[in-house]
Amino acid sequence: MRSLRERILALPAPERDRVLPASHYAGHGFSTRDAIELSEDWPALGLEEEEDEVAENALIHAWSILAVLGGEAGRQYLREELRVLDPESAAGELFSNGFTDLMIAAGPDAVPELAAELAEARDDDWILIEIAGTLAEFARQDIGREAALGSLLSTLRGDFRRRALKGLVIADLVELTGDRHLPEIRRAFDANLVDTTMMGDLEDVEIELGLRDQRTGPATPEAELAKASYLEHIGPYPVEGDDAGIIQYFLNLYGGPHSIRSLAEFDGLVLGTVLAPTLVPPSRWLPAIWDPECLSTDPVWDGMEETQLFHGAVMNWYNGVIRRLDDGSYSPPFAPRTRPRDPTEDEKAWSRGLICSVMVWESGVAEASPHHQALMAAALHLADPTEDTKERDLIQVDHIVRAAGMLHQARLQGADLGEAAGPAAYQRESPKVGRNDPCPCGSGRKYKRCCMN
């Protein structure tokens, strides 16, 4: 009996301009079970290792089988491929070019899933733009049209960083709905949330809709608008001495998609760095603020004054965490949750910061003591508790704070951390997790692409 890989390679060349239907693959003996096997054992199949044209044909067939036969799991796998594949690689470019067609072939059930991804907005802009474009195509083909349009409309609110996404969404909304959503579009422009290189400014949109004949004034350069948008939303320039305000201001001003984004997440990063198995010098952990996976990243500062102000506040915070651990008064910079089961956004961000600190440890997580392993496992659990976890077993912030204090005191006393008493609130063995290992939460994704992110 031929393997799944052999059966895929034996298929005739696919059609490059459309995804073949489920009936085509069923006629060749493929089933939902094959789609499940594809999603579970993809790396072992080695389809990318074939010669160029053979590999492309095999990949197109495999992605198509996931789309038309894989159900929810297949669609989830394809959405994850959008994040994992390098868009500049041959396979990444091929997949990106076909992603919309794959989702359309998967059917209307893909619309709410894509809408949820767009609302969460946890990805790079180019991924969100790909998702938004796919939702626009669903609306264009009248598949889940109102849900798709509603999702696009929701992107016009909120995050001032997504200016390019909003500009492209407005172009789609104007094409698909005319002036139906003009009030929302006007509000987005009035709040300076839109990249005007996409479809121009509000006057250009109104001309496109036939609501005005010509411009009444010159257009403002996009660079000036973008800078004004940032400065308007991040608030006034921080006052020297307000360490929390200074740190949050510059995180807002210079943070990118992979940066630490909030004071809570920053505090978690600092706490995890202070508790590292070996001393981590500032030259190693400071770049992690801007990208924990690329420790050569640094903003283009607007003068020495900014640099000194930010780094002075950061080192004050770092030393403050050490001081509060020393005297037993450490607590994270946010209020405790009001509902026992539901971690707040600040708690999740703080946990992510703790987990990100692993990336800057000199020794790496594989060499950390069992107590470091347990601390990070607790942080993972706090960030994303499973639904079947009993309430009495839920990790609370206080549990991790107590464990962190015990670990710090043991280090000060020179104890053997491999034998020291562990955190009483969380007792379990935890596997060693590298950033490219499968995530311990069981999602099947890489650790760095799942709970770590």
Protein backbone atom coordinates (compact mmCIF):
# COMPACT_ATOMS: atom_id res chain seq x y z
CA MET A 1 0.00 0.00 0.00
CA ARG A 2 1.45 3.35 -1.03
CA SER A 3 2.21 6.00 1.59
CA LEU A 4 0.43 9.34 1.68
CA ARG A 5 3.53 11.00 0.28
CA GLU A 6 3.68 8.60 -2.67
CA ARG A 7 -0.01 9.10 -3.40
CA ILE A 8 0.35 12.89 -3.45
CA LEU A 9 3.40 12.72 -5.71
CA ALA A 10 1.47 10.42 -8.08
CA LEU A 11 -1.32 12.96 -8.65
CA PRO A 12 -1.44 14.70 -12.05
CA ALA A 13 -0.27 18.31 -12.19
CA PRO A 14 -2.73 20.66 -10.46
CA GLU A 15 -4.46 23.60 -12.08
CA ARG A 16 -2.52 26.73 -11.12
CA ASP A 17 -5.46 29.14 -11.35
CA ARG A 18 -7.92 27.33 -9.06
CA VAL A 19 -8.11 24.90 -6.15
CA LEU A 20 -9.45 21.53 -7.23
CA PRO A 21 -12.67 20.48 -5.42
CA ALA A 22 -13.08 17.80 -2.76
CA SER A 23 -14.70 15.51 -5.36
CA HIS A 24 -11.48 15.52 -7.39
CA TYR A 25 -9.39 14.33 -4.48
CA ALA A 26 -12.05 11.89 -3.30
CA GLY A 27 -11.97 10.42 -6.80
CA HIS A 28 -8.27 9.74 -6.29
CA GLY A 29 -8.95 8.00 -2.98
CA PHE A 30 -8.19 10.87 -0.57
CA SER A 31 -10.28 11.35 2.55
CA THR A 32 -10.60 13.46 5.67
CA ARG A 33 -8.31 10.98 7.42
CA ASP A 34 -5.58 11.79 4.87
CA ALA A 35 -6.02 15.51 5.56
CA ILE A 36 -5.62 14.87 9.28
CA GLU A 37 -2.48 12.84 8.63
CA LEU A 38 -1.15 15.70 6.49
CA SER A 39 -1.62 18.23 9.30
CA GLU A 40 -0.04 15.94 11.88
CA ASP A 41 2.91 14.56 9.90
CA TRP A 42 3.66 17.30 7.38
CA PRO A 43 7.41 17.65 8.15
CA ALA A 44 7.94 13.90 7.83
CA LEU A 45 6.51 13.88 4.30
CA GLY A 46 9.37 15.99 2.93
CA LEU A 47 7.37 17.36 0.00
CA GLU A 48 9.60 20.45 -0.17
CA GLU A 49 12.65 18.25 -0.78
CA GLU A 50 11.58 17.17 -4.29
CA GLU A 51 12.76 18.85 -7.49
CA ASP A 52 11.32 22.33 -8.05
CA GLU A 53 8.29 21.61 -10.23
CA VAL A 54 7.52 18.30 -8.50
CA ALA A 55 7.71 20.00 -5.10
CA GLU A 56 5.44 22.85 -6.21
CA ASN A 57 2.82 20.43 -7.58
CA ALA A 58 2.96 18.31 -4.42
CA LEU A 59 2.65 21.33 -2.14
CA ILE A 60 -0.32 22.72 -4.07
CA HIS A 61 -2.08 19.33 -3.83
CA ALA A 62 -1.28 18.97 -0.12
CA TRP A 63 -2.55 22.46 0.73
CA SER A 64 -5.65 21.86 -1.39
CA ILE A 65 -6.41 18.58 0.40
CA LEU A 66 -6.15 20.39 3.73
CA ALA A 67 -8.51 23.12 2.48
CA VAL A 68 -11.25 20.99 0.95
CA LEU A 69 -11.07 17.86 3.13
CA GLY A 70 -9.40 18.97 6.35
CA GLY A 71 -12.27 20.80 8.03
CA GLU A 72 -11.48 23.09 10.95
CA ALA A 73 -8.10 21.47 11.65
CA GLY A 74 -7.07 21.83 8.01
CA ARG A 75 -8.06 25.48 7.90
CA GLN A 76 -6.16 26.15 11.13
CA TYR A 77 -3.07 24.49 9.70
CA LEU A 78 -3.25 26.66 6.59
CA ARG A 79 -3.62 29.83 8.64
CA GLU A 80 -0.58 28.81 10.65
CA GLU A 81 1.37 28.21 7.43
CA LEU A 82 0.86 31.90 6.67
CA ARG A 83 2.89 32.69 9.79
CA VAL A 84 5.49 29.95 9.55
CA LEU A 85 6.51 30.03 5.90
CA ASP A 86 9.09 32.60 4.85
CA PRO A 87 7.24 34.78 2.30
CA GLU A 88 10.49 35.29 0.39
CA SER A 89 11.12 31.56 -0.06
CA ALA A 90 9.78 29.68 -3.08
CA ALA A 91 7.28 27.72 -0.98
CA GLY A 92 6.28 30.83 0.97
CA GLU A 93 5.62 32.87 -2.14
CA LEU A 94 3.66 30.01 -3.70
CA PHE A 95 1.53 29.64 -0.58
CA SER A 96 0.96 33.37 -0.13
CA ASN A 97 -0.18 33.69 -3.75
CA GLY A 98 -2.67 30.86 -3.28
CA PHE A 99 -3.86 31.53 0.28
CA THR A 100 -7.04 33.38 -0.69
CA ASP A 101 -8.07 30.69 -3.18
CA LEU A 102 -7.44 27.99 -0.55
CA MET A 103 -9.66 29.76 1.96
CA ILE A 104 -12.41 30.33 -0.61
CA ALA A 105 -12.25 26.64 -1.48
CA ALA A 106 -12.51 25.78 2.21
CA GLY A 107 -15.91 27.46 2.27
CA PRO A 108 -17.90 29.90 4.44
CA ASP A 109 -16.73 28.33 7.72
CA ALA A 110 -13.40 30.06 7.10
CA VAL A 111 -14.95 33.53 7.41
CA PRO A 112 -15.47 33.69 11.21
CA GLU A 113 -12.06 32.08 11.75
CA LEU A 114 -10.32 34.66 9.58
CA ALA A 115 -12.36 37.42 11.25
CA ALA A 116 -11.13 36.22 14.66
CA GLU A 117 -7.52 36.27 13.45
CA LEU A 118 -7.98 39.81 12.12
CA ALA A 119 -9.60 41.01 15.34
CA GLU A 120 -6.80 39.54 17.46
CA ALA A 121 -4.24 41.39 15.28
CA ARG A 122 -1.25 39.55 16.77
CA ASP A 123 0.62 39.22 13.48
CA ASP A 124 2.86 41.28 11.24
CA ASP A 125 1.05 43.78 9.03
CA TRP A 126 1.60 41.79 5.84
CA ILE A 127 -0.18 38.75 7.34
CA LEU A 128 -3.13 40.86 8.50
CA ILE A 129 -3.28 42.48 5.06
CA GLU A 130 -3.39 38.99 3.48
CA ILE A 131 -6.22 37.97 5.81
CA ALA A 132 -8.15 41.19 5.19
CA GLY A 133 -7.76 40.77 1.43
CA THR A 134 -9.10 37.23 1.72
CA LEU A 135 -12.15 38.44 3.65
CA ALA A 136 -12.72 41.07 0.97
CA GLU A 137 -12.69 38.31 -1.64
CA PHE A 138 -15.28 36.34 0.34
CA ALA A 139 -17.48 39.45 0.31
CA ARG A 140 -16.80 39.97 -3.39
CA GLN A 141 -17.97 36.41 -4.11
CA ASP A 142 -20.96 36.83 -1.76
CA ILE A 143 -19.77 34.10 0.61
CA GLY A 144 -20.46 35.14 4.20
CA ARG A 145 -20.55 38.69 2.83
CA GLU A 146 -21.95 40.60 5.82
CA ALA A 147 -19.69 38.84 8.33
CA ALA A 148 -16.66 39.51 6.14
CA LEU A 149 -17.59 43.17 5.69
CA GLY A 150 -18.22 43.55 9.41
CA SER A 151 -14.77 42.18 10.15
CA LEU A 152 -13.16 44.60 7.70
CA LEU A 153 -15.11 47.51 9.16
CA SER A 154 -13.90 46.69 12.68
CA THR A 155 -10.28 47.18 11.60
CA LEU A 156 -10.95 50.89 11.08
CA ARG A 157 -11.14 51.32 14.86
CA GLY A 158 -8.37 51.09 17.39
CA ASP A 159 -4.69 50.42 16.84
CA PHE A 160 -2.96 53.45 15.35
CA ARG A 161 -0.06 51.24 14.25
CA ARG A 162 -2.13 49.50 11.55
CA ARG A 163 -2.30 52.47 9.18
CA ALA A 164 -1.44 50.50 6.03
CA LEU A 165 -4.02 47.82 6.84
CA LYS A 166 -6.72 50.46 7.32
CA GLY A 167 -5.82 52.15 4.04
CA LEU A 168 -6.19 48.89 2.10
CA VAL A 169 -9.42 47.99 3.92
CA ILE A 170 -10.93 51.37 3.02
CA ALA A 171 -10.11 50.72 -0.65
CA ASP A 172 -11.96 47.38 -0.43
CA LEU A 173 -14.93 48.87 1.43
CA VAL A 174 -15.32 51.66 -1.12
CA GLU A 175 -15.24 49.13 -3.96
CA LEU A 176 -17.64 46.71 -2.26
CA THR A 177 -20.10 49.03 -0.50
CA GLY A 178 -19.74 52.52 -1.98
CA ASP A 179 -20.58 55.19 0.61
CA ARG A 180 -22.47 52.81 2.94
CA HIS A 181 -19.73 52.96 5.56
CA LEU A 182 -18.60 56.52 4.91
CA PRO A 183 -19.19 57.67 8.53
CA GLU A 184 -16.77 55.00 9.84
CA ILE A 185 -14.27 55.84 7.10
CA ARG A 186 -14.46 59.54 7.97
CA ARG A 187 -13.90 58.80 11.67
CA ALA A 188 -10.78 56.78 10.83
CA PHE A 189 -9.37 59.62 8.74
CA ASP A 190 -10.33 62.23 11.34
CA ALA A 191 -8.44 60.22 13.98
CA ASN A 192 -5.42 60.04 11.62
CA LEU A 193 -5.43 56.23 11.61
CA VAL A 194 -5.11 55.68 7.83
CA ASP A 195 -2.07 55.38 5.56
CA THR A 196 -2.87 57.82 2.76
CA THR A 197 -0.50 56.17 0.28
CA MET A 198 -3.09 53.41 -0.22
CA MET A 199 -6.10 55.34 -1.49
CA GLY A 200 -5.29 58.94 -0.71
CA ASP A 201 -6.83 60.99 2.06
CA LEU A 202 -10.50 61.59 2.84
CA GLU A 203 -10.89 64.12 0.01
CA ASP A 204 -9.56 61.54 -2.45
CA VAL A 205 -12.04 58.96 -1.15
CA GLU A 206 -14.93 61.43 -1.47
CA ILE A 207 -13.86 62.22 -5.06
CA GLU A 208 -13.78 58.45 -5.78
CA LEU A 209 -17.34 58.19 -4.42
CA GLY A 210 -18.52 61.17 -6.50
CA LEU A 211 -19.23 63.26 -3.41
CA ARG A 212 -16.92 66.10 -4.46
CA ASP A 213 -15.49 67.26 -7.79
CA GLN A 214 -12.00 68.31 -6.75
CA ARG A 215 -9.68 68.85 -3.83
CA THR A 216 -9.94 71.97 -1.71
CA GLY A 217 -6.34 71.89 -0.51
CA PRO A 218 -2.98 70.12 -0.91
CA ALA A 219 -2.48 66.67 0.57
CA THR A 220 -0.26 66.31 3.65
CA PRO A 221 2.74 63.97 3.11
CA GLU A 222 2.12 60.54 4.63
CA ALA A 223 5.33 60.63 6.67
CA GLU A 224 4.12 63.74 8.51
CA LEU A 225 0.69 62.22 9.10
CA ALA A 226 2.17 58.96 10.43
CA LYS A 227 4.45 60.77 12.87
CA ALA A 228 1.60 62.98 14.05
CA SER A 229 -0.56 59.88 14.57
CA TYR A 230 2.08 58.23 16.76
CA LEU A 231 2.67 61.31 18.86
CA GLU A 232 -1.04 61.96 19.29
CA HIS A 233 -1.78 58.45 20.53
CA ILE A 234 1.19 57.88 22.81
CA GLY A 235 0.53 61.04 24.79
CA PRO A 236 2.78 63.86 26.00
CA TYR A 237 6.55 63.55 26.27
CA PRO A 238 7.41 61.81 29.55
CA VAL A 239 8.68 63.69 32.58
CA GLU A 240 12.12 62.75 33.86
CA GLY A 241 11.76 60.66 37.00
CA ASP A 242 8.52 58.95 35.89
CA ASP A 243 10.19 55.64 35.03
CA ALA A 244 6.93 53.81 34.24
CA GLY A 245 5.74 56.62 31.97
CA ILE A 246 9.10 56.89 30.21
CA ILE A 247 9.30 53.16 29.52
CA GLN A 248 5.72 52.91 28.22
CA TYR A 249 6.15 56.03 26.06
CA PHE A 250 9.18 54.70 24.21
CA LEU A 251 7.72 51.20 23.91
CA ASN A 252 4.78 52.85 22.13
CA LEU A 253 6.98 55.10 20.04
CA TYR A 254 9.58 52.61 18.83
CA GLY A 255 8.03 49.18 19.42
CA GLY A 256 7.56 46.87 16.44
CA PRO A 257 5.46 43.73 15.94
CA HIS A 258 7.93 41.58 17.94
CA SER A 259 8.71 44.11 20.67
CA ILE A 260 7.74 44.16 24.31
CA ARG A 261 4.57 46.24 24.14
CA SER A 262 3.49 47.11 27.69
CA LEU A 263 4.90 47.91 31.11
CA ALA A 264 3.52 44.62 32.44
CA GLU A 265 5.31 42.60 29.73
CA PHE A 266 8.50 44.61 30.30
CA ASP A 267 8.36 43.91 34.05
CA GLY A 268 8.02 40.18 33.33
CA LEU A 269 11.07 40.31 31.04
CA VAL A 270 13.09 42.08 33.74
CA LEU A 271 11.97 39.67 36.46
CA GLY A 272 12.89 36.64 34.35
CA THR A 273 16.25 38.19 33.47
CA VAL A 274 17.06 38.93 37.12
CA LEU A 275 16.21 35.30 37.98
CA ALA A 276 18.29 33.84 35.10
CA PRO A 277 20.56 30.89 35.96
CA THR A 278 23.58 33.09 35.21
CA LEU A 279 24.08 36.85 35.27
CA VAL A 280 22.82 38.40 32.02
CA PRO A 281 24.64 41.64 31.10
CA PRO A 282 22.58 44.65 29.91
CA SER A 283 24.26 44.46 26.50
CA ARG A 284 22.47 41.13 25.99
CA TRP A 285 19.03 41.68 27.53
CA LEU A 286 18.35 45.32 26.56
CA PRO A 287 18.00 44.45 22.82
CA ALA A 288 15.43 41.81 23.82
CA ILE A 289 13.04 44.66 24.59
CA TRP A 290 12.78 45.32 20.86
CA ASP A 291 12.94 41.71 19.61
CA PRO A 292 13.66 38.71 21.91
CA GLU A 293 14.57 36.54 18.91
CA CYS A 294 16.91 39.05 17.22
CA LEU A 295 19.22 40.46 19.85
CA SER A 296 20.81 42.95 17.46
CA THR A 297 17.62 45.00 17.07
CA ASP A 298 17.60 48.58 18.37
CA PRO A 299 15.47 51.63 17.53
CA VAL A 300 16.79 54.57 15.55
CA TRP A 301 16.78 57.02 18.45
CA ASP A 302 16.07 60.70 17.85
CA GLY A 303 19.12 62.00 19.67
CA MET A 304 21.16 61.11 22.73
CA GLU A 305 18.62 62.65 25.12
CA GLU A 306 16.01 60.01 24.23
CA THR A 307 18.51 57.17 24.57
CA GLN A 308 19.72 58.30 27.98
CA LEU A 309 16.20 58.98 29.26
CA PHE A 310 14.93 55.52 28.25
CA HIS A 311 17.93 53.50 29.38
CA GLY A 312 18.12 55.41 32.66
CA ALA A 313 14.47 54.51 33.38
CA VAL A 314 15.03 50.89 32.34
CA MET A 315 18.03 50.42 34.63
CA ASN A 316 16.16 52.10 37.49
CA TRP A 317 13.36 49.57 36.97
CA TYR A 318 15.80 46.66 36.78
CA ASN A 319 17.52 47.70 40.01
CA GLY A 320 14.13 48.27 41.63
CA VAL A 321 13.04 44.70 40.83
CA ILE A 322 16.24 43.38 42.42
CA ARG A 323 15.77 45.58 45.48
CA ARG A 324 12.16 44.45 45.97
CA LEU A 325 13.11 40.81 45.52
CA ASP A 326 15.83 41.29 48.13
CA ASP A 327 13.43 42.68 50.74
CA GLY A 328 10.46 40.48 49.79
CA SER A 329 8.23 43.33 48.55
CA TYR A 330 8.20 42.57 44.81
CA SER A 331 4.84 42.72 43.02
CA PRO A 332 4.06 43.27 39.31
CA PRO A 333 2.82 46.71 38.19
CA PHE A 334 -0.89 45.95 37.81
CA ALA A 335 -3.96 45.19 39.89
CA PRO A 336 -4.90 41.55 40.62
CA ARG A 337 -7.70 39.92 38.64
CA THR A 338 -11.27 40.09 39.89
CA ARG A 339 -12.36 36.70 38.47
CA PRO A 340 -10.29 33.68 39.60
CA ARG A 341 -10.46 31.77 36.32
CA ASP A 342 -9.79 34.55 33.82
CA PRO A 343 -6.25 36.05 33.65
CA THR A 344 -6.28 39.74 32.77
CA GLU A 345 -4.48 41.07 29.70
CA ASP A 346 -1.80 42.52 31.99
CA GLU A 347 -1.28 39.13 33.64
CA LYS A 348 -0.93 37.43 30.26
CA ALA A 349 1.50 40.10 29.08
CA TRP A 350 3.56 39.77 32.28
CA SER A 351 3.72 36.00 31.78
CA ARG A 352 4.83 36.46 28.16
CA GLY A 353 7.60 38.77 29.35
CA LEU A 354 8.78 36.12 31.82
CA ILE A 355 8.83 33.51 29.07
CA CYS A 356 10.64 35.87 26.66
CA SER A 357 13.45 36.25 29.20
CA VAL A 358 14.47 32.67 28.40
CA MET A 359 15.67 33.91 25.02
CA VAL A 360 18.38 36.04 26.64
CA TRP A 361 19.68 33.59 29.23
CA GLU A 362 23.32 32.77 28.54
CA SER A 363 22.87 29.12 29.53
CA GLY A 364 19.59 28.57 27.68
CA VAL A 365 16.50 26.87 29.05
CA ALA A 366 17.90 23.40 28.39
CA GLU A 367 20.50 23.94 31.13
CA ALA A 368 18.24 25.70 33.63
CA SER A 369 17.51 24.19 37.02
CA PRO A 370 14.25 22.33 37.66
CA HIS A 371 13.05 25.42 39.53
CA HIS A 372 13.62 27.67 36.53
CA GLN A 373 11.79 25.11 34.42
CA ALA A 374 8.88 25.04 36.87
CA LEU A 375 8.71 28.83 37.02
CA MET A 376 8.44 29.08 33.24
CA ALA A 377 5.89 26.26 33.10
CA ALA A 378 3.81 28.17 35.65
CA ALA A 379 4.09 31.32 33.51
CA LEU A 380 2.86 29.35 30.48
CA HIS A 381 -0.07 28.05 32.50
CA LEU A 382 -0.96 31.54 33.72
CA ALA A 383 -0.84 32.95 30.20
CA ASP A 384 -3.13 30.26 28.80
CA PRO A 385 -4.87 27.96 31.32
CA THR A 386 -6.65 25.00 29.81
CA GLU A 387 -10.42 24.84 30.02
CA ASP A 388 -10.39 21.56 31.92
CA THR A 389 -8.07 22.83 34.68
CA LYS A 390 -9.88 22.77 38.01
CA GLU A 391 -10.19 26.16 39.69
CA ARG A 392 -8.12 25.07 42.69
CA ASP A 393 -5.25 24.18 40.32
CA LEU A 394 -5.22 27.50 38.45
CA ILE A 395 -1.96 29.41 38.63
CA GLN A 396 -2.32 32.89 40.12
CA VAL A 397 0.14 35.78 39.92
CA ASP A 398 0.83 35.43 43.65
CA HIS A 399 1.99 31.83 43.11
CA ILE A 400 4.62 32.92 40.61
CA VAL A 401 5.66 35.91 42.74
CA ARG A 402 6.24 33.60 45.73
CA ALA A 403 8.16 31.12 43.56
CA ALA A 404 10.26 33.96 42.13
CA GLY A 405 11.05 35.22 45.63
CA MET A 406 12.09 31.75 46.80
CA LEU A 407 14.28 31.27 43.74
CA HIS A 408 15.94 34.66 44.24
CA GLN A 409 16.62 34.03 47.93
CA ALA A 410 18.05 30.59 47.15
CA ARG A 411 20.42 32.18 44.62
CA LEU A 412 21.49 34.83 47.14
CA GLN A 413 22.27 32.11 49.67
CA GLY A 414 24.23 30.11 47.12
CA ALA A 415 21.91 27.10 47.41
CA ASP A 416 21.98 24.19 44.97
CA LEU A 417 18.91 25.04 42.93
CA GLY A 418 18.63 21.49 41.75
CA GLU A 419 17.83 20.42 45.33
CA ALA A 420 16.27 23.55 46.81
CA ALA A 421 12.64 23.46 47.89
CA GLY A 422 10.37 24.21 44.94
CA PRO A 423 7.36 26.51 44.66
CA ALA A 424 4.61 24.96 46.77
CA ALA A 425 1.83 26.35 44.59
CA TYR A 426 2.88 24.54 41.43
CA GLN A 427 4.32 21.05 41.60
CA ARG A 428 4.84 19.21 38.32
CA GLU A 429 7.64 18.11 36.06
CA SER A 430 8.02 20.22 32.94
CA PRO A 431 9.78 19.26 29.71
CA LYS A 432 12.69 21.31 28.48
CA VAL A 433 11.40 23.58 25.74
CA GLY A 434 13.50 25.17 23.00
CA ARG A 435 12.08 27.94 20.87
CA ASN A 436 11.82 25.66 17.81
CA ASP A 437 10.41 22.69 19.77
CA PRO A 438 6.70 21.80 19.72
CA CYS A 439 4.82 24.00 22.19
CA PRO A 440 4.03 22.19 25.46
CA CYS A 441 0.43 23.45 25.28
CA GLY A 442 -0.25 20.73 22.68
CA SER A 443 -1.23 22.98 19.77
CA GLY A 444 1.26 21.31 17.43
CA ARG A 445 2.89 24.63 16.61
CA LYS A 446 6.44 25.67 17.42
CA TYR A 447 6.93 27.12 20.92
CA LYS A 448 8.09 30.45 19.50
CA ARG A 449 4.98 30.65 17.28
CA CYS A 450 2.53 29.71 20.05
CA CYS A 451 2.55 30.39 23.82
CA MET A 452 5.90 32.13 23.64
CA ASN A 453 4.48 34.71 21.21
